[in-house]
Amino acid sequence: MIEEKDIIQILYRAIDDLNLQLPPEQRLEKSAETVLFGEGGRLDSLGLVTFIVAAEQKVTEVAGITLTLADEKAMSRRNSPFRTVGTLAEYIGERLAEDGNG
């Protein structure tokens, strides 16, 4: 069972990978409150896609679970799960629970 604190750590590893590709002024802080996309976010749409792919890969590496985050379930939500690191962690937890992995 993967707890939310473990999911946050997985996302921090994805942030580390992404930050290697970003200029210093665009790098993401490792915090649940870090805004990823939208008002106050540091990622453009391509950066967000890159981060989502990195997060999916890290979940697979750490937990051995293949998860697709950018799908119709995510896109149809009223509030984007990609707004902050914390909202993405919650969403990943929900998806893992739905799939019997949480």
PDB file of N, CA and C in Angstrom:
ATOM      1  N   MET A   1       0.842  -1.190   0.000  1.00  0.00           N
ATOM      2  CA  MET A   1       0.000   0.000   0.000  1.00  0.00           C
ATOM      3  C   MET A   1       0.881   1.246   0.000  1.00  0.00           C
ATOM      4  N   ILE A   2       0.581   2.157  -0.871  1.00  0.00           N
ATOM      5  CA  ILE A   2       1.352   3.385  -0.990  1.00  0.00           C
ATOM      6  C   ILE A   2       0.587   4.513  -0.307  1.00  0.00           C
ATOM      7  N   GLU A   3       1.239   5.156   0.645  1.00  0.00           N
ATOM      8  CA  GLU A   3       0.615   6.263   1.366  1.00  0.00           C
ATOM      9  C   GLU A   3       0.905   7.577   0.643  1.00  0.00           C
ATOM     10  N   GLU A   4       0.114   8.610   0.975  1.00  0.00           N
ATOM     11  CA  GLU A   4       0.275   9.898   0.305  1.00  0.00           C
ATOM     12  C   GLU A   4       1.676  10.471   0.501  1.00  0.00           C
ATOM     13  N   LYS A   5       2.258  10.276   1.680  1.00  0.00           N
ATOM     14  CA  LYS A   5       3.612  10.798   1.907  1.00  0.00           C
ATOM     15  C   LYS A   5       4.619  10.121   0.972  1.00  0.00           C
ATOM     16  N   ASP A   6       4.376   8.845   0.650  1.00  0.00           N
ATOM     17  CA  ASP A   6       5.246   8.131  -0.292  1.00  0.00           C
ATOM     18  C   ASP A   6       5.043   8.654  -1.717  1.00  0.00           C
ATOM     19  N   ILE A   7       3.795   8.966  -2.042  1.00  0.00           N
ATOM     20  CA  ILE A   7       3.494   9.521  -3.365  1.00  0.00           C
ATOM     21  C   ILE A   7       4.170  10.878  -3.516  1.00  0.00           C
ATOM     22  N   ILE A   8       4.118  11.688  -2.475  1.00  0.00           N
ATOM     23  CA  ILE A   8       4.790  13.000  -2.500  1.00  0.00           C
ATOM     24  C   ILE A   8       6.286  12.801  -2.772  1.00  0.00           C
ATOM     25  N   GLN A   9       6.906  11.836  -2.132  1.00  0.00           N
ATOM     26  CA  GLN A   9       8.337  11.578  -2.350  1.00  0.00           C
ATOM     27  C   GLN A   9       8.603  11.142  -3.786  1.00  0.00           C
ATOM     28  N   ILE A  10       7.706  10.359  -4.343  1.00  0.00           N
ATOM     29  CA  ILE A  10       7.835   9.957  -5.751  1.00  0.00           C
ATOM     30  C   ILE A  10       7.772  11.199  -6.642  1.00  0.00           C
ATOM     31  N   LEU A  11       6.840  12.096  -6.347  1.00  0.00           N
ATOM     32  CA  LEU A  11       6.720  13.326  -7.134  1.00  0.00           C
ATOM     33  C   LEU A  11       7.951  14.210  -6.963  1.00  0.00           C
ATOM     34  N   TYR A  12       8.539  14.219  -5.788  1.00  0.00           N
ATOM     35  CA  TYR A  12       9.772  14.999  -5.580  1.00  0.00           C
ATOM     36  C   TYR A  12      10.900  14.457  -6.453  1.00  0.00           C
ATOM     37  N   ARG A  13      10.945  13.151  -6.639  1.00  0.00           N
ATOM     38  CA  ARG A  13      11.960  12.558  -7.523  1.00  0.00           C
ATOM     39  C   ARG A  13      11.724  12.986  -8.964  1.00  0.00           C
ATOM     40  N   ALA A  14      10.454  13.071  -9.358  1.00  0.00           N
ATOM     41  CA  ALA A  14      10.123  13.554 -10.706  1.00  0.00           C
ATOM     42  C   ALA A  14      10.510  15.028 -10.848  1.00  0.00           C
ATOM     43  N   ILE A  15      10.312  15.814  -9.786  1.00  0.00           N
ATOM     44  CA  ILE A  15      10.726  17.226  -9.789  1.00  0.00           C
ATOM     45  C   ILE A  15      12.228  17.324  -9.952  1.00  0.00           C
ATOM     46  N   ASP A  16      12.978  16.489  -9.250  1.00  0.00           N
ATOM     47  CA  ASP A  16      14.441  16.497  -9.386  1.00  0.00           C
ATOM     48  C   ASP A  16      14.846  16.275 -10.839  1.00  0.00           C
ATOM     49  N   ASP A  17      14.217  15.291 -11.485  1.00  0.00           N
ATOM     50  CA  ASP A  17      14.530  14.994 -12.886  1.00  0.00           C
ATOM     51  C   ASP A  17      14.173  16.170 -13.787  1.00  0.00           C
ATOM     52  N   LEU A  18      12.994  16.741 -13.585  1.00  0.00           N
ATOM     53  CA  LEU A  18      12.555  17.854 -14.417  1.00  0.00           C
ATOM     54  C   LEU A  18      13.432  19.089 -14.205  1.00  0.00           C
ATOM     55  N   ASN A  19      13.807  19.361 -12.967  1.00  0.00           N
ATOM     56  CA  ASN A  19      14.610  20.546 -12.667  1.00  0.00           C
ATOM     57  C   ASN A  19      15.962  20.525 -13.383  1.00  0.00           C
ATOM     58  N   LEU A  20      16.469  19.346 -13.683  1.00  0.00           N
ATOM     59  CA  LEU A  20      17.733  19.247 -14.422  1.00  0.00           C
ATOM     60  C   LEU A  20      17.587  19.819 -15.829  1.00  0.00           C
ATOM     61  N   GLN A  21      16.372  19.854 -16.347  1.00  0.00           N
ATOM     62  CA  GLN A  21      16.114  20.322 -17.702  1.00  0.00           C
ATOM     63  C   GLN A  21      15.667  21.787 -17.761  1.00  0.00           C
ATOM     64  N   LEU A  22      15.366  22.358 -16.599  1.00  0.00           N
ATOM     65  CA  LEU A  22      14.801  23.707 -16.565  1.00  0.00           C
ATOM     66  C   LEU A  22      15.848  24.753 -16.199  1.00  0.00           C
ATOM     67  N   PRO A  23      15.697  25.976 -16.727  1.00  0.00           N
ATOM     68  CA  PRO A  23      16.566  27.063 -16.271  1.00  0.00           C
ATOM     69  C   PRO A  23      16.261  27.366 -14.803  1.00  0.00           C
ATOM     70  N   PRO A  24      17.231  27.911 -14.080  1.00  0.00           N
ATOM     71  CA  PRO A  24      17.059  28.136 -12.635  1.00  0.00           C
ATOM     72  C   PRO A  24      15.778  28.868 -12.249  1.00  0.00           C
ATOM     73  N   GLU A  25      15.360  29.841 -13.037  1.00  0.00           N
ATOM     74  CA  GLU A  25      14.178  30.624 -12.674  1.00  0.00           C
ATOM     75  C   GLU A  25      12.868  29.857 -12.858  1.00  0.00           C
ATOM     76  N   GLN A  26      12.912  28.725 -13.532  1.00  0.00           N
ATOM     77  CA  GLN A  26      11.699  27.936 -13.749  1.00  0.00           C
ATOM     78  C   GLN A  26      11.657  26.674 -12.896  1.00  0.00           C
ATOM     79  N   ARG A  27      12.705  26.393 -12.160  1.00  0.00           N
ATOM     80  CA  ARG A  27      12.762  25.152 -11.384  1.00  0.00           C
ATOM     81  C   ARG A  27      11.680  25.121 -10.311  1.00  0.00           C
ATOM     82  N   LEU A  28      11.225  23.915 -10.039  1.00  0.00           N
ATOM     83  CA  LEU A  28      10.144  23.707  -9.083  1.00  0.00           C
ATOM     84  C   LEU A  28      10.682  23.437  -7.690  1.00  0.00           C
ATOM     85  N   GLU A  29      10.002  23.993  -6.714  1.00  0.00           N
ATOM     86  CA  GLU A  29      10.317  23.736  -5.310  1.00  0.00           C
ATOM     87  C   GLU A  29       9.655  22.421  -4.907  1.00  0.00           C
ATOM     88  N   LYS A  30      10.334  21.671  -4.065  1.00  0.00           N
ATOM     89  CA  LYS A  30       9.762  20.410  -3.596  1.00  0.00           C
ATOM     90  C   LYS A  30       8.890  20.690  -2.376  1.00  0.00           C
ATOM     91  N   SER A  31       7.617  20.956  -2.654  1.00  0.00           N
ATOM     92  CA  SER A  31       6.626  21.261  -1.634  1.00  0.00           C
ATOM     93  C   SER A  31       5.266  20.833  -2.166  1.00  0.00           C
ATOM     94  N   ALA A  32       4.398  20.358  -1.285  1.00  0.00           N
ATOM     95  CA  ALA A  32       3.049  19.971  -1.697  1.00  0.00           C
ATOM     96  C   ALA A  32       2.273  21.175  -2.220  1.00  0.00           C
ATOM     97  N   GLU A  33       2.641  22.376  -1.800  1.00  0.00           N
ATOM     98  CA  GLU A  33       1.948  23.595  -2.221  1.00  0.00           C
ATOM     99  C   GLU A  33       2.465  24.161  -3.534  1.00  0.00           C
ATOM    100  N   THR A  34       3.519  23.594  -4.084  1.00  0.00           N
ATOM    101  CA  THR A  34       4.081  24.111  -5.326  1.00  0.00           C
ATOM    102  C   THR A  34       3.043  24.057  -6.439  1.00  0.00           C
ATOM    103  N   VAL A  35       2.794  25.218  -7.053  1.00  0.00           N
ATOM    104  CA  VAL A  35       1.843  25.302  -8.155  1.00  0.00           C
ATOM    105  C   VAL A  35       2.556  24.838  -9.421  1.00  0.00           C
ATOM    106  N   LEU A  36       1.968  23.837 -10.058  1.00  0.00           N
ATOM    107  CA  LEU A  36       2.562  23.281 -11.264  1.00  0.00           C
ATOM    108  C   LEU A  36       2.098  24.015 -12.515  1.00  0.00           C
ATOM    109  N   PHE A  37       0.787  24.264 -12.593  1.00  0.00           N
ATOM    110  CA  PHE A  37       0.218  24.768 -13.837  1.00  0.00           C
ATOM    111  C   PHE A  37      -0.918  25.725 -13.523  1.00  0.00           C
ATOM    112  N   GLY A  38      -1.090  26.703 -14.380  1.00  0.00           N
ATOM    113  CA  GLY A  38      -2.140  27.692 -14.180  1.00  0.00           C
ATOM    114  C   GLY A  38      -1.558  28.938 -13.534  1.00  0.00           C
ATOM    115  N   GLU A  39      -2.420  29.735 -12.962  1.00  0.00           N
ATOM    116  CA  GLU A  39      -1.993  30.998 -12.354  1.00  0.00           C
ATOM    117  C   GLU A  39      -0.962  30.735 -11.260  1.00  0.00           C
ATOM    118  N   GLY A  40       0.197  31.357 -11.406  1.00  0.00           N
ATOM    119  CA  GLY A  40       1.267  31.200 -10.426  1.00  0.00           C
ATOM    120  C   GLY A  40       2.147  29.984 -10.664  1.00  0.00           C
ATOM    121  N   GLY A  41       1.818  29.189 -11.676  1.00  0.00           N
ATOM    122  CA  GLY A  41       2.602  27.989 -11.972  1.00  0.00           C
ATOM    123  C   GLY A  41       3.821  28.317 -12.814  1.00  0.00           C
ATOM    124  N   ARG A  42       4.822  27.473 -12.704  1.00  0.00           N
ATOM    125  CA  ARG A  42       6.048  27.705 -13.460  1.00  0.00           C
ATOM    126  C   ARG A  42       6.141  26.881 -14.733  1.00  0.00           C
ATOM    127  N   LEU A  43       5.218  25.963 -14.934  1.00  0.00           N
ATOM    128  CA  LEU A  43       5.282  25.099 -16.095  1.00  0.00           C
ATOM    129  C   LEU A  43       4.315  25.549 -17.181  1.00  0.00           C
ATOM    130  N   ASP A  44       4.789  25.528 -18.413  1.00  0.00           N
ATOM    131  CA  ASP A  44       3.875  25.716 -19.535  1.00  0.00           C
ATOM    132  C   ASP A  44       3.293  24.344 -19.862  1.00  0.00           C
ATOM    133  N   SER A  45       2.488  24.264 -20.910  1.00  0.00           N
ATOM    134  CA  SER A  45       1.820  22.992 -21.204  1.00  0.00           C
ATOM    135  C   SER A  45       2.815  21.880 -21.522  1.00  0.00           C
ATOM    136  N   LEU A  46       3.877  22.188 -22.243  1.00  0.00           N
ATOM    137  CA  LEU A  46       4.889  21.170 -22.540  1.00  0.00           C
ATOM    138  C   LEU A  46       5.613  20.736 -21.270  1.00  0.00           C
ATOM    139  N   GLY A  47       5.920  21.677 -20.406  1.00  0.00           N
ATOM    140  CA  GLY A  47       6.561  21.352 -19.130  1.00  0.00           C
ATOM    141  C   GLY A  47       5.683  20.477 -18.261  1.00  0.00           C
ATOM    142  N   LEU A  48       4.378  20.754 -18.271  1.00  0.00           N
ATOM    143  CA  LEU A  48       3.445  19.942 -17.493  1.00  0.00           C
ATOM    144  C   LEU A  48       3.397  18.517 -18.030  1.00  0.00           C
ATOM    145  N   VAL A  49       3.338  18.371 -19.348  1.00  0.00           N
ATOM    146  CA  VAL A  49       3.320  17.034 -19.945  1.00  0.00           C
ATOM    147  C   VAL A  49       4.605  16.286 -19.588  1.00  0.00           C
ATOM    148  N   THR A  50       5.731  16.963 -19.670  1.00  0.00           N
ATOM    149  CA  THR A  50       7.010  16.348 -19.317  1.00  0.00           C
ATOM    150  C   THR A  50       7.000  15.893 -17.863  1.00  0.00           C
ATOM    151  N   PHE A  51       6.455  16.728 -16.983  1.00  0.00           N
ATOM    152  CA  PHE A  51       6.387  16.368 -15.562  1.00  0.00           C
ATOM    153  C   PHE A  51       5.453  15.184 -15.328  1.00  0.00           C
ATOM    154  N   ILE A  52       4.315  15.173 -16.000  1.00  0.00           N
ATOM    155  CA  ILE A  52       3.366  14.069 -15.838  1.00  0.00           C
ATOM    156  C   ILE A  52       4.001  12.749 -16.283  1.00  0.00           C
ATOM    157  N   VAL A  53       4.697  12.768 -17.407  1.00  0.00           N
ATOM    158  CA  VAL A  53       5.373  11.556 -17.887  1.00  0.00           C
ATOM    159  C   VAL A  53       6.431  11.114 -16.874  1.00  0.00           C
ATOM    160  N   ALA A  54       7.195  12.061 -16.338  1.00  0.00           N
ATOM    161  CA  ALA A  54       8.205  11.725 -15.332  1.00  0.00           C
ATOM    162  C   ALA A  54       7.554  11.127 -14.084  1.00  0.00           C
ATOM    163  N   ALA A  55       6.421  11.689 -13.674  1.00  0.00           N
ATOM    164  CA  ALA A  55       5.711  11.170 -12.499  1.00  0.00           C
ATOM    165  C   ALA A  55       5.217   9.751 -12.751  1.00  0.00           C
ATOM    166  N   GLU A  56       4.661   9.510 -13.929  1.00  0.00           N
ATOM    167  CA  GLU A  56       4.198   8.161 -14.273  1.00  0.00           C
ATOM    168  C   GLU A  56       5.355   7.170 -14.238  1.00  0.00           C
ATOM    169  N   GLN A  57       6.503   7.570 -14.775  1.00  0.00           N
ATOM    170  CA  GLN A  57       7.675   6.696 -14.785  1.00  0.00           C
ATOM    171  C   GLN A  57       8.164   6.409 -13.371  1.00  0.00           C
ATOM    172  N   LYS A  58       8.158   7.414 -12.518  1.00  0.00           N
ATOM    173  CA  LYS A  58       8.613   7.228 -11.139  1.00  0.00           C
ATOM    174  C   LYS A  58       7.670   6.307 -10.367  1.00  0.00           C
ATOM    175  N   VAL A  59       6.364   6.439 -10.596  1.00  0.00           N
ATOM    176  CA  VAL A  59       5.409   5.536  -9.942  1.00  0.00           C
ATOM    177  C   VAL A  59       5.711   4.095 -10.366  1.00  0.00           C
ATOM    178  N   THR A  60       5.968   3.907 -11.644  1.00  0.00           N
ATOM    179  CA  THR A  60       6.287   2.563 -12.146  1.00  0.00           C
ATOM    180  C   THR A  60       7.585   2.044 -11.532  1.00  0.00           C
ATOM    181  N   GLU A  61       8.618   2.896 -11.490  1.00  0.00           N
ATOM    182  CA  GLU A  61       9.913   2.494 -10.927  1.00  0.00           C
ATOM    183  C   GLU A  61       9.803   2.118  -9.452  1.00  0.00           C
ATOM    184  N   VAL A  62       9.143   2.948  -8.686  1.00  0.00           N
ATOM    185  CA  VAL A  62       9.096   2.774  -7.234  1.00  0.00           C
ATOM    186  C   VAL A  62       8.070   1.724  -6.814  1.00  0.00           C
ATOM    187  N   ALA A  63       6.891   1.774  -7.423  1.00  0.00           N
ATOM    188  CA  ALA A  63       5.795   0.920  -6.966  1.00  0.00           C
ATOM    189  C   ALA A  63       5.507  -0.263  -7.891  1.00  0.00           C
ATOM    190  N   GLY A  64       6.109  -0.255  -9.075  1.00  0.00           N
ATOM    191  CA  GLY A  64       5.848  -1.329 -10.011  1.00  0.00           C
ATOM    192  C   GLY A  64       4.446  -1.293 -10.590  1.00  0.00           C
ATOM    193  N   ILE A  65       3.843  -0.109 -10.600  1.00  0.00           N
ATOM    194  CA  ILE A  65       2.462   0.057 -11.061  1.00  0.00           C
ATOM    195  C   ILE A  65       2.467   0.996 -12.264  1.00  0.00           C
ATOM    196  N   THR A  66       1.836   0.565 -13.347  1.00  0.00           N
ATOM    197  CA  THR A  66       1.702   1.421 -14.522  1.00  0.00           C
ATOM    198  C   THR A  66       0.428   2.241 -14.366  1.00  0.00           C
ATOM    199  N   LEU A  67       0.581   3.546 -14.485  1.00  0.00           N
ATOM    200  CA  LEU A  67      -0.528   4.463 -14.249  1.00  0.00           C
ATOM    201  C   LEU A  67      -0.514   5.536 -15.331  1.00  0.00           C
ATOM    202  N   THR A  68      -1.663   5.797 -15.930  1.00  0.00           N
ATOM    203  CA  THR A  68      -1.795   6.887 -16.892  1.00  0.00           C
ATOM    204  C   THR A  68      -2.538   8.015 -16.193  1.00  0.00           C
ATOM    205  N   LEU A  69      -1.855   9.143 -16.036  1.00  0.00           N
ATOM    206  CA  LEU A  69      -2.433  10.252 -15.270  1.00  0.00           C
ATOM    207  C   LEU A  69      -3.232  11.224 -16.136  1.00  0.00           C
ATOM    208  N   ALA A  70      -2.778  11.478 -17.350  1.00  0.00           N
ATOM    209  CA  ALA A  70      -3.452  12.445 -18.214  1.00  0.00           C
ATOM    210  C   ALA A  70      -4.452  11.711 -19.104  1.00  0.00           C
ATOM    211  N   ASP A  71      -5.576  11.385 -18.514  1.00  0.00           N
ATOM    212  CA  ASP A  71      -6.619  10.681 -19.253  1.00  0.00           C
ATOM    213  C   ASP A  71      -7.947  11.406 -19.074  1.00  0.00           C
ATOM    214  N   GLU A  72      -9.004  10.819 -19.588  1.00  0.00           N
ATOM    215  CA  GLU A  72     -10.309  11.476 -19.525  1.00  0.00           C
ATOM    216  C   GLU A  72     -10.761  11.708 -18.088  1.00  0.00           C
ATOM    217  N   LYS A  73     -10.429  10.785 -17.186  1.00  0.00           N
ATOM    218  CA  LYS A  73     -10.808  10.966 -15.775  1.00  0.00           C
ATOM    219  C   LYS A  73     -10.236  12.264 -15.215  1.00  0.00           C
ATOM    220  N   ALA A  74      -8.975  12.505 -15.509  1.00  0.00           N
ATOM    221  CA  ALA A  74      -8.316  13.715 -15.005  1.00  0.00           C
ATOM    222  C   ALA A  74      -8.869  14.962 -15.683  1.00  0.00           C
ATOM    223  N   MET A  75      -9.049  14.875 -16.983  1.00  0.00           N
ATOM    224  CA  MET A  75      -9.463  16.053 -17.749  1.00  0.00           C
ATOM    225  C   MET A  75     -10.920  16.446 -17.494  1.00  0.00           C
ATOM    226  N   SER A  76     -11.730  15.497 -17.054  1.00  0.00           N
ATOM    227  CA  SER A  76     -13.147  15.793 -16.854  1.00  0.00           C
ATOM    228  C   SER A  76     -13.445  16.336 -15.456  1.00  0.00           C
ATOM    229  N   ARG A  77     -12.450  16.411 -14.610  1.00  0.00           N
ATOM    230  CA  ARG A  77     -12.676  16.914 -13.248  1.00  0.00           C
ATOM    231  C   ARG A  77     -12.877  18.420 -13.250  1.00  0.00           C
ATOM    232  N   ARG A  78     -13.709  18.871 -12.345  1.00  0.00           N
ATOM    233  CA  ARG A  78     -13.948  20.309 -12.221  1.00  0.00           C
ATOM    234  C   ARG A  78     -12.662  21.029 -11.819  1.00  0.00           C
ATOM    235  N   ASN A  79     -11.943  20.482 -10.840  1.00  0.00           N
ATOM    236  CA  ASN A  79     -10.679  21.052 -10.387  1.00  0.00           C
ATOM    237  C   ASN A  79      -9.537  20.168 -10.874  1.00  0.00           C
ATOM    238  N   SER A  80      -8.608  20.780 -11.575  1.00  0.00           N
ATOM    239  CA  SER A  80      -7.508  20.025 -12.174  1.00  0.00           C
ATOM    240  C   SER A  80      -6.644  19.345 -11.108  1.00  0.00           C
ATOM    241  N   PRO A  81      -6.367  18.056 -11.280  1.00  0.00           N
ATOM    242  CA  PRO A  81      -5.457  17.388 -10.353  1.00  0.00           C
ATOM    243  C   PRO A  81      -4.007  17.818 -10.587  1.00  0.00           C
ATOM    244  N   PHE A  82      -3.761  18.574 -11.648  1.00  0.00           N
ATOM    245  CA  PHE A  82      -2.398  18.994 -11.986  1.00  0.00           C
ATOM    246  C   PHE A  82      -2.067  20.400 -11.494  1.00  0.00           C
ATOM    247  N   ARG A  83      -2.907  20.959 -10.650  1.00  0.00           N
ATOM    248  CA  ARG A  83      -2.701  22.336 -10.170  1.00  0.00           C
ATOM    249  C   ARG A  83      -1.468  22.443  -9.281  1.00  0.00           C
ATOM    250  N   THR A  84      -1.350  21.558  -8.287  1.00  0.00           N
ATOM    251  CA  THR A  84      -0.212  21.597  -7.364  1.00  0.00           C
ATOM    252  C   THR A  84       0.346  20.187  -7.173  1.00  0.00           C
ATOM    253  N   VAL A  85       1.505  20.117  -6.564  1.00  0.00           N
ATOM    254  CA  VAL A  85       2.087  18.810  -6.231  1.00  0.00           C
ATOM    255  C   VAL A  85       1.131  18.052  -5.318  1.00  0.00           C
ATOM    256  N   GLY A  86       0.535  18.728  -4.355  1.00  0.00           N
ATOM    257  CA  GLY A  86      -0.380  18.091  -3.408  1.00  0.00           C
ATOM    258  C   GLY A  86      -1.632  17.546  -4.074  1.00  0.00           C
ATOM    259  N   THR A  87      -2.232  18.325  -4.991  1.00  0.00           N
ATOM    260  CA  THR A  87      -3.439  17.841  -5.661  1.00  0.00           C
ATOM    261  C   THR A  87      -3.116  16.661  -6.572  1.00  0.00           C
ATOM    262  N   LEU A  88      -1.930  16.670  -7.157  1.00  0.00           N
ATOM    263  CA  LEU A  88      -1.526  15.537  -7.993  1.00  0.00           C
ATOM    264  C   LEU A  88      -1.292  14.293  -7.138  1.00  0.00           C
ATOM    265  N   ALA A  89      -0.685  14.468  -5.974  1.00  0.00           N
ATOM    266  CA  ALA A  89      -0.474  13.333  -5.062  1.00  0.00           C
ATOM    267  C   ALA A  89      -1.810  12.728  -4.627  1.00  0.00           C
ATOM    268  N   GLU A  90      -2.775  13.586  -4.301  1.00  0.00           N
ATOM    269  CA  GLU A  90      -4.105  13.099  -3.925  1.00  0.00           C
ATOM    270  C   GLU A  90      -4.739  12.316  -5.070  1.00  0.00           C
ATOM    271  N   TYR A  91      -4.623  12.849  -6.275  1.00  0.00           N
ATOM    272  CA  TYR A  91      -5.198  12.199  -7.442  1.00  0.00           C
ATOM    273  C   TYR A  91      -4.544  10.837  -7.690  1.00  0.00           C
ATOM    274  N   ILE A  92      -3.232  10.780  -7.587  1.00  0.00           N
ATOM    275  CA  ILE A  92      -2.532   9.503  -7.761  1.00  0.00           C
ATOM    276  C   ILE A  92      -3.008   8.509  -6.708  1.00  0.00           C
ATOM    277  N   GLY A  93      -3.160   8.964  -5.469  1.00  0.00           N
ATOM    278  CA  GLY A  93      -3.673   8.095  -4.409  1.00  0.00           C
ATOM    279  C   GLY A  93      -5.056   7.557  -4.722  1.00  0.00           C
ATOM    280  N   GLU A  94      -5.927   8.425  -5.240  1.00  0.00           N
ATOM    281  CA  GLU A  94      -7.279   8.008  -5.627  1.00  0.00           C
ATOM    282  C   GLU A  94      -7.223   6.956  -6.729  1.00  0.00           C
ATOM    283  N   ARG A  95      -6.395   7.204  -7.734  1.00  0.00           N
ATOM    284  CA  ARG A  95      -6.283   6.266  -8.858  1.00  0.00           C
ATOM    285  C   ARG A  95      -5.739   4.915  -8.403  1.00  0.00           C
ATOM    286  N   LEU A  96      -4.754   4.938  -7.510  1.00  0.00           N
ATOM    287  CA  LEU A  96      -4.199   3.681  -7.010  1.00  0.00           C
ATOM    288  C   LEU A  96      -5.242   2.913  -6.195  1.00  0.00           C
ATOM    289  N   ALA A  97      -6.031   3.641  -5.403  1.00  0.00           N
ATOM    290  CA  ALA A  97      -7.078   2.999  -4.613  1.00  0.00           C
ATOM    291  C   ALA A  97      -8.139   2.383  -5.523  1.00  0.00           C
ATOM    292  N   GLU A  98      -8.513   3.085  -6.585  1.00  0.00           N
ATOM    293  CA  GLU A  98      -9.494   2.572  -7.539  1.00  0.00           C
ATOM    294  C   GLU A  98      -9.014   1.293  -8.191  1.00  0.00           C
ATOM    295  N   ASP A  99      -7.714   1.245  -8.462  1.00  0.00           N
ATOM    296  CA  ASP A  99      -7.119   0.088  -9.128  1.00  0.00           C
ATOM    297  C   ASP A  99      -6.729  -1.022  -8.147  1.00  0.00           C
ATOM    298  N   GLY A 100      -7.027  -0.806  -6.853  1.00  0.00           N
ATOM    299  CA  GLY A 100      -6.697  -1.812  -5.843  1.00  0.00           C
ATOM    300  C   GLY A 100      -5.242  -1.811  -5.429  1.00  0.00           C
ATOM    301  N   ASN A 101      -4.520  -0.711  -5.714  1.00  0.00           N
ATOM    302  CA  ASN A 101      -3.101  -0.625  -5.366  1.00  0.00           C
ATOM    303  C   ASN A 101      -2.819   0.339  -4.229  1.00  0.00           C
ATOM    304  N   GLY A 102      -3.849   1.052  -3.786  1.00  0.00           N
ATOM    305  CA  GLY A 102      -3.635   2.085  -2.780  1.00  0.00           C
ATOM    306  C   GLY A 102      -3.815   1.595  -1.384  1.00  0.00           C
TER     307      GLY A 102
END
